[in-house]
């Protein structure tokens, strides 16, 4: 075990010499969707610096394939951050106490009007691993039943949905 002496005599115990050490965080902002803090971080070579850390709620996305498995359901949305229209898989936040698979199915129906058949878990990932804790779960379903409008009518969240040929 290595012992690293920090500022003002603080001590951090390092059991893995290749691991970064977080000496503490100072809260910058906290909302229902994101928590932002500044972390006092030390690299394995003892270089120390401050880094922004973003902690976001778990999300669940679903790749909805048609019965033949040839097309995937995508949504076209405008994203103001990049000021572009983009194609996305349906998905969104997992509510507190909600099962991730249930959230994935709920989001598909809310956003597209399609109710997916049985969803299968594919994987969990951390797409912003460098400075964020942003867990995302991916699900797969073969087939869905149209139960609502193809377009979102209550709120303009989705500019349209369509089944698109999947590339192999």
Foldseek 3Di string as FASTA:
>chain_A
DDWDQDPPRDIDDDPDLQDKDFPDWDWDDDDQFKTWIWTFIAGSVGDTDIDIAIEGAEKEFEFEAEQVRFWTKWFWFQDVVVRDTDIHTFMDGADVPHDRQVRHQVRCCQAAQWRFDDKAWDDWDQPPPPHYHYIYTYIYGYHTHRRDDRANDPDRGTPGMDIGGDDD
